[in-house]
Amino acid sequence: MIDWGDFLIAVAVAFVTACFARHNGFKSRKAAAATKFRNSVLEALTGLYPVPVAWPADEITISDVLQARFPELQAAVAEFAPYLNILQRWRFKKAWNQYRLGRNGREIDQQDYSQYIPFTGAEIVNGLLVKNDQSKTYKSVFKRSVDQLLGFAGEL
């Protein structure tokens, strides 16, 4: 005769053990994915991040440089995103879009790296003249964007 109490306890213990094993396995895979993501980003942006020692002399060409490195970064982002929970994934996608499109970028655009180009200008917003000057902040904006992406992979 089966002792149902012992049977249910054994099933519960097996279930909890399996849950812990699965969770620990996922944590290990997530840590490995985070390390791979971080290494891929750092490799793709060598010379530009964290210290911009190889920033192009003709600073407008940074857009071309980043477009050339986009496929590597996009692959790393796509591979890492599934390891994030839903809220983190949403924030990660937002950070990725901000990196490649700027703060006001639109989803329908592919790439726009104008936020990393030094310029001064003005525009009319709601009837008011608004001056823009990013001639001194463009490299720090780039670093902050990459910092945000790498922040999802743990320490920078």
N, C-alpha and C. Protein backbone atom coordinates (compact mmCIF):
# COMPACT_ATOMS: atom_id res chain seq x y z
N MET A 1 0.84 -1.17 0.00
CA MET A 1 0.00 0.00 0.00
C MET A 1 0.89 1.24 0.00
N ILE A 2 0.52 2.23 -0.78
CA ILE A 2 1.28 3.47 -0.91
C ILE A 2 0.92 4.42 0.23
N ASP A 3 1.94 4.93 0.87
CA ASP A 3 1.72 5.96 1.89
C ASP A 3 1.70 7.30 1.15
N TRP A 4 0.51 7.84 0.96
CA TRP A 4 0.34 9.05 0.15
C TRP A 4 1.05 10.26 0.76
N GLY A 5 1.16 10.33 2.03
CA GLY A 5 1.87 11.45 2.67
C GLY A 5 3.34 11.46 2.28
N ASP A 6 3.99 10.28 2.38
CA ASP A 6 5.40 10.18 2.00
C ASP A 6 5.57 10.43 0.50
N PHE A 7 4.64 9.93 -0.28
CA PHE A 7 4.69 10.11 -1.73
C PHE A 7 4.61 11.61 -2.09
N LEU A 8 3.68 12.33 -1.49
CA LEU A 8 3.53 13.76 -1.79
C LEU A 8 4.74 14.56 -1.32
N ILE A 9 5.30 14.17 -0.19
CA ILE A 9 6.51 14.85 0.29
C ILE A 9 7.66 14.62 -0.69
N ALA A 10 7.80 13.38 -1.17
CA ALA A 10 8.86 13.06 -2.13
C ALA A 10 8.68 13.85 -3.42
N VAL A 11 7.45 13.96 -3.90
CA VAL A 11 7.17 14.72 -5.12
C VAL A 11 7.48 16.20 -4.90
N ALA A 12 7.08 16.73 -3.75
CA ALA A 12 7.33 18.14 -3.44
C ALA A 12 8.83 18.42 -3.37
N VAL A 13 9.58 17.53 -2.73
CA VAL A 13 11.03 17.69 -2.63
C VAL A 13 11.66 17.63 -4.02
N ALA A 14 11.23 16.70 -4.83
CA ALA A 14 11.76 16.58 -6.19
C ALA A 14 11.44 17.83 -7.00
N PHE A 15 10.23 18.36 -6.85
CA PHE A 15 9.82 19.56 -7.58
C PHE A 15 10.67 20.77 -7.16
N VAL A 16 10.84 20.95 -5.86
CA VAL A 16 11.64 22.09 -5.36
C VAL A 16 13.09 21.95 -5.82
N THR A 17 13.63 20.75 -5.77
CA THR A 17 15.00 20.51 -6.23
C THR A 17 15.14 20.84 -7.71
N ALA A 18 14.19 20.42 -8.50
CA ALA A 18 14.22 20.71 -9.93
C ALA A 18 14.13 22.21 -10.19
N CYS A 19 13.28 22.89 -9.42
CA CYS A 19 13.16 24.35 -9.58
C CYS A 19 14.47 25.05 -9.26
N PHE A 20 15.12 24.65 -8.16
CA PHE A 20 16.41 25.23 -7.81
C PHE A 20 17.46 24.94 -8.88
N ALA A 21 17.49 23.73 -9.37
CA ALA A 21 18.47 23.37 -10.40
C ALA A 21 18.23 24.19 -11.67
N ARG A 22 16.98 24.33 -12.05
CA ARG A 22 16.66 25.11 -13.26
C ARG A 22 17.05 26.57 -13.06
N HIS A 23 16.72 27.11 -11.90
CA HIS A 23 17.04 28.51 -11.61
C HIS A 23 18.55 28.73 -11.62
N ASN A 24 19.29 27.83 -10.98
CA ASN A 24 20.75 27.97 -10.96
C ASN A 24 21.34 27.82 -12.35
N GLY A 25 20.78 26.93 -13.15
CA GLY A 25 21.24 26.78 -14.52
C GLY A 25 20.98 28.04 -15.33
N PHE A 26 19.82 28.64 -15.14
CA PHE A 26 19.48 29.87 -15.86
C PHE A 26 20.41 31.00 -15.42
N LYS A 27 20.67 31.08 -14.11
CA LYS A 27 21.57 32.11 -13.62
C LYS A 27 22.95 31.96 -14.25
N SER A 28 23.42 30.75 -14.38
CA SER A 28 24.73 30.50 -14.99
C SER A 28 24.72 30.90 -16.46
N ARG A 29 23.66 30.52 -17.16
CA ARG A 29 23.56 30.88 -18.58
C ARG A 29 23.45 32.39 -18.75
N LYS A 30 22.70 33.04 -17.85
CA LYS A 30 22.55 34.50 -17.93
C LYS A 30 23.89 35.18 -17.67
N ALA A 31 24.63 34.70 -16.69
CA ALA A 31 25.95 35.27 -16.40
C ALA A 31 26.89 35.11 -17.59
N ALA A 32 26.85 33.94 -18.22
CA ALA A 32 27.69 33.71 -19.40
C ALA A 32 27.26 34.61 -20.55
N ALA A 33 25.95 34.78 -20.73
CA ALA A 33 25.44 35.65 -21.79
C ALA A 33 25.81 37.10 -21.53
N ALA A 34 25.77 37.52 -20.26
CA ALA A 34 26.14 38.89 -19.91
C ALA A 34 27.62 39.14 -20.19
N THR A 35 28.45 38.17 -19.85
CA THR A 35 29.88 38.30 -20.11
C THR A 35 30.14 38.36 -21.61
N LYS A 36 29.47 37.51 -22.37
CA LYS A 36 29.65 37.51 -23.82
C LYS A 36 29.17 38.83 -24.42
N PHE A 37 28.03 39.34 -23.94
CA PHE A 37 27.50 40.61 -24.43
C PHE A 37 28.48 41.74 -24.14
N ARG A 38 28.94 41.81 -22.90
CA ARG A 38 29.87 42.86 -22.51
C ARG A 38 31.14 42.80 -23.37
N ASN A 39 31.69 41.60 -23.56
CA ASN A 39 32.90 41.45 -24.37
C ASN A 39 32.65 41.82 -25.83
N SER A 40 31.49 41.46 -26.36
CA SER A 40 31.16 41.80 -27.75
C SER A 40 31.06 43.30 -27.95
N VAL A 41 30.42 43.98 -27.01
CA VAL A 41 30.28 45.44 -27.11
C VAL A 41 31.65 46.10 -26.99
N LEU A 42 32.43 45.68 -26.01
CA LEU A 42 33.75 46.28 -25.83
C LEU A 42 34.65 46.04 -27.03
N GLU A 43 34.55 44.86 -27.63
CA GLU A 43 35.34 44.57 -28.82
C GLU A 43 34.89 45.40 -30.01
N ALA A 44 33.59 45.51 -30.19
CA ALA A 44 33.06 46.27 -31.33
C ALA A 44 33.37 47.77 -31.20
N LEU A 45 33.46 48.26 -29.99
CA LEU A 45 33.68 49.69 -29.78
C LEU A 45 35.10 49.99 -29.29
N THR A 46 36.02 49.11 -29.58
CA THR A 46 37.42 49.32 -29.21
C THR A 46 37.91 50.65 -29.77
N GLY A 47 38.54 51.42 -28.92
CA GLY A 47 39.07 52.72 -29.32
C GLY A 47 38.08 53.86 -29.16
N LEU A 48 36.80 53.52 -29.04
CA LEU A 48 35.77 54.53 -28.86
C LEU A 48 35.22 54.54 -27.45
N TYR A 49 35.26 53.39 -26.80
CA TYR A 49 34.70 53.24 -25.47
C TYR A 49 35.62 52.35 -24.65
N PRO A 50 35.86 52.62 -23.42
CA PRO A 50 35.33 53.69 -22.58
C PRO A 50 36.05 55.03 -22.77
N VAL A 51 37.29 54.99 -23.24
CA VAL A 51 38.01 56.23 -23.51
C VAL A 51 38.13 56.37 -25.02
N PRO A 52 37.66 57.48 -25.58
CA PRO A 52 37.63 57.63 -27.03
C PRO A 52 38.99 58.00 -27.63
N VAL A 53 39.95 57.09 -27.56
CA VAL A 53 41.30 57.36 -28.07
C VAL A 53 41.39 57.25 -29.59
N ALA A 54 40.46 56.55 -30.20
CA ALA A 54 40.48 56.38 -31.66
C ALA A 54 39.26 57.05 -32.31
N TRP A 55 38.76 58.10 -31.69
CA TRP A 55 37.64 58.84 -32.28
C TRP A 55 38.14 59.45 -33.58
N PRO A 56 37.35 59.39 -34.64
CA PRO A 56 37.83 59.90 -35.94
C PRO A 56 38.20 61.38 -35.86
N ALA A 57 39.29 61.74 -36.55
CA ALA A 57 39.72 63.14 -36.58
C ALA A 57 38.63 64.01 -37.23
N ASP A 58 38.06 63.48 -38.30
CA ASP A 58 36.91 64.15 -38.92
C ASP A 58 35.68 63.64 -38.17
N GLU A 59 35.27 64.38 -37.16
CA GLU A 59 34.28 63.88 -36.20
C GLU A 59 32.92 63.55 -36.80
N ILE A 60 32.64 64.07 -37.98
CA ILE A 60 31.37 63.76 -38.63
C ILE A 60 31.34 62.30 -39.08
N THR A 61 32.50 61.73 -39.34
CA THR A 61 32.56 60.34 -39.82
C THR A 61 32.27 59.31 -38.72
N ILE A 62 32.07 59.75 -37.49
CA ILE A 62 31.73 58.79 -36.42
C ILE A 62 30.45 58.04 -36.79
N SER A 63 29.57 58.69 -37.50
CA SER A 63 28.34 58.04 -37.94
C SER A 63 28.66 56.84 -38.83
N ASP A 64 29.60 57.01 -39.75
CA ASP A 64 29.99 55.91 -40.64
C ASP A 64 30.67 54.78 -39.85
N VAL A 65 31.50 55.17 -38.89
CA VAL A 65 32.20 54.18 -38.07
C VAL A 65 31.19 53.34 -37.28
N LEU A 66 30.22 54.02 -36.66
CA LEU A 66 29.23 53.30 -35.86
C LEU A 66 28.29 52.46 -36.73
N GLN A 67 27.98 52.94 -37.93
CA GLN A 67 27.15 52.13 -38.83
C GLN A 67 27.88 50.87 -39.25
N ALA A 68 29.19 50.95 -39.43
CA ALA A 68 29.97 49.76 -39.79
C ALA A 68 30.00 48.75 -38.65
N ARG A 69 29.93 49.22 -37.42
CA ARG A 69 30.00 48.33 -36.27
C ARG A 69 28.61 47.88 -35.79
N PHE A 70 27.59 48.42 -36.41
CA PHE A 70 26.21 48.13 -36.01
C PHE A 70 25.85 46.64 -36.08
N PRO A 71 26.18 45.91 -37.17
CA PRO A 71 25.78 44.49 -37.22
C PRO A 71 26.29 43.66 -36.05
N GLU A 72 27.54 43.89 -35.63
CA GLU A 72 28.08 43.15 -34.48
C GLU A 72 27.29 43.46 -33.21
N LEU A 73 27.01 44.74 -33.01
CA LEU A 73 26.28 45.15 -31.81
C LEU A 73 24.85 44.64 -31.83
N GLN A 74 24.22 44.71 -33.00
CA GLN A 74 22.84 44.23 -33.10
C GLN A 74 22.75 42.74 -32.80
N ALA A 75 23.71 41.97 -33.27
CA ALA A 75 23.73 40.53 -32.98
C ALA A 75 23.92 40.29 -31.48
N ALA A 76 24.80 41.05 -30.85
CA ALA A 76 25.03 40.90 -29.41
C ALA A 76 23.78 41.27 -28.62
N VAL A 77 23.10 42.33 -29.03
CA VAL A 77 21.87 42.76 -28.35
C VAL A 77 20.79 41.69 -28.49
N ALA A 78 20.62 41.17 -29.69
CA ALA A 78 19.59 40.16 -29.93
C ALA A 78 19.86 38.88 -29.16
N GLU A 79 21.12 38.52 -29.01
CA GLU A 79 21.48 37.30 -28.30
C GLU A 79 21.31 37.45 -26.79
N PHE A 80 21.55 38.66 -26.26
CA PHE A 80 21.49 38.88 -24.82
C PHE A 80 20.08 39.16 -24.30
N ALA A 81 19.25 39.81 -25.08
CA ALA A 81 17.93 40.26 -24.63
C ALA A 81 17.06 39.15 -24.02
N PRO A 82 17.02 37.93 -24.56
CA PRO A 82 16.16 36.90 -23.97
C PRO A 82 16.50 36.53 -22.52
N TYR A 83 17.67 36.89 -22.05
CA TYR A 83 18.06 36.55 -20.68
C TYR A 83 17.56 37.58 -19.67
N LEU A 84 16.92 38.63 -20.14
CA LEU A 84 16.40 39.66 -19.26
C LEU A 84 14.92 39.42 -19.01
N ASN A 85 14.45 39.83 -17.82
CA ASN A 85 13.02 39.70 -17.56
C ASN A 85 12.26 40.75 -18.39
N ILE A 86 10.96 40.71 -18.37
CA ILE A 86 10.16 41.55 -19.26
C ILE A 86 10.44 43.04 -19.06
N LEU A 87 10.48 43.48 -17.81
CA LEU A 87 10.74 44.90 -17.54
C LEU A 87 12.15 45.29 -17.96
N GLN A 88 13.13 44.46 -17.63
CA GLN A 88 14.51 44.74 -18.04
C GLN A 88 14.63 44.74 -19.56
N ARG A 89 13.93 43.82 -20.21
CA ARG A 89 14.00 43.75 -21.67
C ARG A 89 13.43 45.01 -22.31
N TRP A 90 12.34 45.53 -21.73
CA TRP A 90 11.75 46.76 -22.25
C TRP A 90 12.73 47.93 -22.07
N ARG A 91 13.34 48.02 -20.88
CA ARG A 91 14.32 49.09 -20.63
C ARG A 91 15.56 48.91 -21.49
N PHE A 92 15.98 47.67 -21.72
CA PHE A 92 17.13 47.37 -22.56
C PHE A 92 16.86 47.80 -24.00
N LYS A 93 15.66 47.49 -24.49
CA LYS A 93 15.29 47.90 -25.85
C LYS A 93 15.28 49.42 -25.96
N LYS A 94 14.78 50.08 -24.94
CA LYS A 94 14.76 51.54 -24.93
C LYS A 94 16.19 52.10 -24.95
N ALA A 95 17.10 51.51 -24.15
CA ALA A 95 18.49 51.95 -24.14
C ALA A 95 19.17 51.69 -25.48
N TRP A 96 18.86 50.57 -26.10
CA TRP A 96 19.42 50.23 -27.41
C TRP A 96 18.93 51.23 -28.45
N ASN A 97 17.64 51.53 -28.42
CA ASN A 97 17.10 52.51 -29.37
C ASN A 97 17.72 53.89 -29.14
N GLN A 98 17.93 54.25 -27.88
CA GLN A 98 18.53 55.55 -27.59
C GLN A 98 19.98 55.58 -28.08
N TYR A 99 20.70 54.48 -27.94
CA TYR A 99 22.08 54.42 -28.44
C TYR A 99 22.12 54.66 -29.94
N ARG A 100 21.25 53.97 -30.68
CA ARG A 100 21.35 54.03 -32.14
C ARG A 100 20.50 55.11 -32.78
N LEU A 101 19.57 55.73 -32.03
CA LEU A 101 18.68 56.73 -32.61
C LEU A 101 18.68 58.06 -31.88
N GLY A 102 19.24 58.12 -30.70
CA GLY A 102 19.20 59.35 -29.91
C GLY A 102 17.96 59.37 -29.02
N ARG A 103 17.89 60.38 -28.17
CA ARG A 103 16.78 60.48 -27.21
C ARG A 103 15.42 60.59 -27.87
N ASN A 104 15.35 61.28 -28.97
CA ASN A 104 14.07 61.50 -29.64
C ASN A 104 13.91 60.65 -30.89
N GLY A 105 14.68 59.58 -30.99
CA GLY A 105 14.62 58.73 -32.18
C GLY A 105 13.30 58.01 -32.33
N ARG A 106 12.97 57.71 -33.57
CA ARG A 106 11.72 57.02 -33.87
C ARG A 106 12.01 55.56 -34.21
N GLU A 107 11.11 54.69 -33.82
CA GLU A 107 11.26 53.25 -34.07
C GLU A 107 11.42 52.94 -35.56
N ILE A 108 10.81 53.74 -36.42
CA ILE A 108 10.85 53.42 -37.85
C ILE A 108 12.20 53.75 -38.48
N ASP A 109 13.02 54.55 -37.80
CA ASP A 109 14.35 54.86 -38.30
C ASP A 109 15.27 53.67 -38.04
N GLN A 110 16.27 53.51 -38.87
CA GLN A 110 17.20 52.40 -38.69
C GLN A 110 18.35 52.78 -37.77
N GLN A 111 19.08 53.82 -38.16
CA GLN A 111 20.21 54.29 -37.38
C GLN A 111 20.34 55.80 -37.58
N ASP A 112 20.68 56.49 -36.51
CA ASP A 112 20.92 57.93 -36.59
C ASP A 112 21.87 58.26 -35.46
N TYR A 113 23.11 58.51 -35.80
CA TYR A 113 24.12 58.75 -34.79
C TYR A 113 24.46 60.23 -34.67
N SER A 114 23.54 61.10 -35.03
CA SER A 114 23.81 62.54 -34.99
C SER A 114 24.06 63.03 -33.57
N GLN A 115 23.57 62.30 -32.56
CA GLN A 115 23.81 62.72 -31.18
C GLN A 115 25.27 62.59 -30.79
N TYR A 116 26.08 61.91 -31.61
CA TYR A 116 27.49 61.73 -31.33
C TYR A 116 28.38 62.60 -32.22
N ILE A 117 27.77 63.56 -32.90
CA ILE A 117 28.48 64.48 -33.78
C ILE A 117 28.42 65.87 -33.16
N PRO A 118 29.56 66.55 -33.08
CA PRO A 118 29.53 67.89 -32.49
C PRO A 118 28.84 68.88 -33.42
N PHE A 119 27.89 69.61 -32.89
CA PHE A 119 27.24 70.65 -33.68
C PHE A 119 26.60 71.67 -32.76
N THR A 120 26.35 72.81 -33.33
CA THR A 120 25.55 73.83 -32.67
C THR A 120 24.46 74.22 -33.65
N GLY A 121 23.32 74.56 -33.13
CA GLY A 121 22.21 74.93 -33.99
C GLY A 121 21.05 75.45 -33.19
N ALA A 122 19.99 75.73 -33.90
CA ALA A 122 18.79 76.23 -33.24
C ALA A 122 17.58 75.72 -34.00
N GLU A 123 16.48 75.63 -33.29
CA GLU A 123 15.22 75.23 -33.90
C GLU A 123 14.08 75.94 -33.19
N ILE A 124 12.98 76.00 -33.86
CA ILE A 124 11.81 76.63 -33.26
C ILE A 124 10.90 75.54 -32.74
N VAL A 125 10.63 75.60 -31.43
CA VAL A 125 9.77 74.63 -30.78
C VAL A 125 8.65 75.41 -30.10
N ASN A 126 7.42 75.13 -30.52
CA ASN A 126 6.25 75.82 -29.97
C ASN A 126 6.39 77.33 -30.04
N GLY A 127 6.93 77.81 -31.14
CA GLY A 127 7.06 79.24 -31.35
C GLY A 127 8.23 79.89 -30.65
N LEU A 128 9.05 79.10 -29.97
CA LEU A 128 10.21 79.64 -29.26
C LEU A 128 11.48 79.13 -29.91
N LEU A 129 12.48 80.00 -29.99
CA LEU A 129 13.77 79.63 -30.53
C LEU A 129 14.56 78.87 -29.45
N VAL A 130 14.93 77.63 -29.75
CA VAL A 130 15.69 76.80 -28.82
C VAL A 130 17.06 76.53 -29.43
N LYS A 131 18.11 76.90 -28.70
CA LYS A 131 19.47 76.69 -29.19
C LYS A 131 20.00 75.36 -28.69
N ASN A 132 20.67 74.64 -29.56
CA ASN A 132 21.29 73.36 -29.24
C ASN A 132 22.79 73.49 -29.40
N ASP A 133 23.53 73.05 -28.41
CA ASP A 133 24.98 73.07 -28.49
C ASP A 133 25.51 71.78 -27.89
N GLN A 134 25.91 70.86 -28.74
CA GLN A 134 26.50 69.62 -28.24
C GLN A 134 27.94 69.51 -28.71
N SER A 135 28.56 70.67 -28.94
CA SER A 135 29.94 70.67 -29.41
C SER A 135 30.93 70.17 -28.36
N LYS A 136 30.54 70.17 -27.09
CA LYS A 136 31.44 69.71 -26.04
C LYS A 136 30.94 68.44 -25.33
N THR A 137 29.73 68.02 -25.62
CA THR A 137 29.15 66.90 -24.87
C THR A 137 28.94 65.62 -25.68
N TYR A 138 29.23 65.63 -26.96
CA TYR A 138 28.89 64.48 -27.80
C TYR A 138 29.59 63.19 -27.39
N LYS A 139 30.85 63.27 -26.94
CA LYS A 139 31.56 62.06 -26.52
C LYS A 139 31.01 61.55 -25.18
N SER A 140 30.63 62.43 -24.30
CA SER A 140 30.07 61.99 -23.03
C SER A 140 28.67 61.40 -23.23
N VAL A 141 27.94 61.90 -24.22
CA VAL A 141 26.63 61.32 -24.56
C VAL A 141 26.83 59.90 -25.08
N PHE A 142 27.85 59.69 -25.90
CA PHE A 142 28.16 58.36 -26.42
C PHE A 142 28.51 57.41 -25.27
N LYS A 143 29.39 57.86 -24.38
CA LYS A 143 29.80 57.02 -23.25
C LYS A 143 28.60 56.66 -22.38
N ARG A 144 27.75 57.63 -22.12
CA ARG A 144 26.56 57.38 -21.29
C ARG A 144 25.64 56.37 -21.96
N SER A 145 25.47 56.45 -23.27
CA SER A 145 24.61 55.50 -23.99
C SER A 145 25.16 54.08 -23.90
N VAL A 146 26.46 53.94 -24.08
CA VAL A 146 27.08 52.61 -24.00
C VAL A 146 27.06 52.11 -22.55
N ASP A 147 27.29 53.02 -21.59
CA ASP A 147 27.20 52.65 -20.17
C ASP A 147 25.82 52.07 -19.85
N GLN A 148 24.77 52.71 -20.38
CA GLN A 148 23.43 52.20 -20.13
C GLN A 148 23.25 50.80 -20.68
N LEU A 149 23.74 50.54 -21.86
CA LEU A 149 23.62 49.19 -22.45
C LEU A 149 24.39 48.18 -21.60
N LEU A 150 25.61 48.50 -21.26
CA LEU A 150 26.43 47.57 -20.50
C LEU A 150 25.92 47.38 -19.08
N GLY A 151 25.19 48.35 -18.58
CA GLY A 151 24.63 48.24 -17.24
C GLY A 151 23.69 47.05 -17.10
N PHE A 152 23.09 46.63 -18.18
CA PHE A 152 22.20 45.46 -18.13
C PHE A 152 22.98 44.15 -18.00
N ALA A 153 24.28 44.22 -18.30
CA ALA A 153 25.12 43.02 -18.21
C ALA A 153 25.91 43.00 -16.91
N GLY A 154 25.54 43.83 -15.97
CA GLY A 154 26.25 43.84 -14.69
C GLY A 154 27.22 44.98 -14.62
N GLU A 155 28.31 44.76 -13.91
CA GLU A 155 29.27 45.82 -13.68
C GLU A 155 29.90 46.28 -14.98
N LEU A 156 30.29 47.55 -15.00
CA LEU A 156 30.90 48.13 -16.21
C LEU A 156 32.41 47.97 -16.17
